Amino acid sequence: MTGEPRDTRLRRLRMRSWRRGTKEMDLILGPFSDRGLVALTPDHLELYEALLAENDQDLYQWMSGRTDPPPEHAEITGIIRADMRVRQA
């Protein structure tokens, strides 16, 4: 846990989500962070923050379904991919 107030943490994670290394990941994680972060549990926020530490090339492969994420990222990746499907519908 970071010890920072939840609203501060959400703002920080939103910024990190929108300012990735690639435009593709900005467009995947940015909208998710705007809509989905507030609904995440503290445990899911921990998973999301760990996911943000990964490089964008790997993240894109996982989010696009080209490769499976490692087990430690499978749950949060599934949550984000479900949000992507809702946005596309």
Protein backbone atom coordinates (compact mmCIF):
# COMPACT_ATOMS: atom_id res chain seq x y z
CA MET A 1 0.00 0.00 0.00
CA THR A 2 1.19 3.47 -0.79
CA GLY A 3 -0.21 5.29 2.24
CA GLU A 4 -1.38 8.20 0.11
CA PRO A 5 -5.04 9.28 0.07
CA ARG A 6 -7.16 7.30 -2.40
CA ASP A 7 -8.08 10.34 -4.52
CA THR A 8 -4.41 11.32 -4.83
CA ARG A 9 -3.50 7.78 -5.82
CA LEU A 10 -6.25 7.65 -8.44
CA ARG A 11 -5.06 10.93 -9.97
CA ARG A 12 -1.48 9.66 -10.08
CA LEU A 13 -2.52 6.38 -11.68
CA ARG A 14 -4.65 8.23 -14.24
CA MET A 15 -1.69 10.36 -15.24
CA ARG A 16 0.54 7.29 -15.57
CA SER A 17 -2.17 5.59 -17.63
CA TRP A 18 -2.51 8.46 -20.10
CA ARG A 19 1.22 9.15 -20.38
CA ARG A 20 2.62 5.82 -21.47
CA GLY A 21 5.43 5.22 -23.92
CA THR A 22 3.15 4.38 -26.84
CA LYS A 23 -0.03 5.96 -28.15
CA GLU A 24 -1.70 2.52 -28.32
CA MET A 25 -1.31 2.01 -24.60
CA ASP A 26 -2.43 5.60 -23.90
CA LEU A 27 -5.64 4.78 -25.76
CA ILE A 28 -6.18 1.52 -23.89
CA LEU A 29 -5.20 2.45 -20.34
CA GLY A 30 -6.25 6.11 -20.40
CA PRO A 31 -9.98 5.53 -20.96
CA PHE A 32 -9.92 2.59 -18.55
CA SER A 33 -8.37 4.79 -15.88
CA ASP A 34 -11.02 7.47 -16.44
CA ARG A 35 -13.88 5.00 -16.07
CA GLY A 36 -12.66 1.99 -14.18
CA LEU A 37 -10.13 2.97 -11.54
CA VAL A 38 -12.67 4.39 -9.13
CA ALA A 39 -14.45 1.01 -9.01
CA LEU A 40 -11.31 -1.01 -8.26
CA THR A 41 -10.75 -2.44 -4.82
CA PRO A 42 -7.52 -1.58 -2.98
CA ASP A 43 -6.15 -5.01 -3.96
CA HIS A 44 -7.01 -4.40 -7.61
CA LEU A 45 -5.35 -0.98 -7.46
CA GLU A 46 -2.18 -2.73 -6.27
CA LEU A 47 -2.42 -5.08 -9.26
CA TYR A 48 -3.02 -2.17 -11.63
CA GLU A 49 -0.06 -0.23 -10.28
CA ALA A 50 2.18 -3.30 -10.71
CA LEU A 51 0.90 -3.65 -14.28
CA LEU A 52 1.88 -0.06 -15.04
CA ALA A 53 5.48 -0.95 -14.22
CA GLU A 54 5.61 -3.28 -17.23
CA ASN A 55 6.83 -2.11 -20.62
CA ASP A 56 4.31 -1.04 -23.23
CA GLN A 57 5.34 -3.63 -25.80
CA ASP A 58 4.43 -6.44 -23.41
CA LEU A 59 1.29 -4.68 -22.23
CA TYR A 60 0.04 -4.27 -25.78
CA GLN A 61 0.57 -7.96 -26.52
CA TRP A 62 -1.42 -8.89 -23.41
CA MET A 63 -4.22 -6.40 -23.99
CA SER A 64 -4.60 -7.30 -27.64
CA GLY A 65 -4.78 -11.00 -26.80
CA ARG A 66 -1.71 -11.84 -28.87
CA THR A 67 -0.02 -13.41 -25.86
CA ASP A 68 -1.21 -14.40 -22.42
CA PRO A 69 -0.16 -12.16 -19.54
CA PRO A 70 1.94 -13.68 -16.78
CA PRO A 71 -0.16 -15.09 -13.92
CA GLU A 72 0.45 -12.08 -11.66
CA HIS A 73 -1.16 -9.80 -14.26
CA ALA A 74 -3.91 -12.09 -15.53
CA GLU A 75 -6.68 -10.83 -13.23
CA ILE A 76 -6.19 -7.09 -13.81
CA THR A 77 -5.58 -7.63 -17.52
CA GLY A 78 -8.92 -9.44 -17.70
CA ILE A 79 -10.67 -6.52 -15.99
CA ILE A 80 -9.16 -4.03 -18.44
CA ARG A 81 -9.95 -6.19 -21.47
CA ALA A 82 -13.57 -6.54 -20.32
CA ASP A 83 -13.76 -2.73 -20.11
CA MET A 84 -12.33 -2.50 -23.63
CA ARG A 85 -15.08 -4.81 -24.92
CA VAL A 86 -17.76 -2.65 -23.26
CA ARG A 87 -16.29 0.50 -24.84
CA GLN A 88 -16.28 -1.14 -28.27
CA ALA A 89 -19.91 -2.26 -28.02
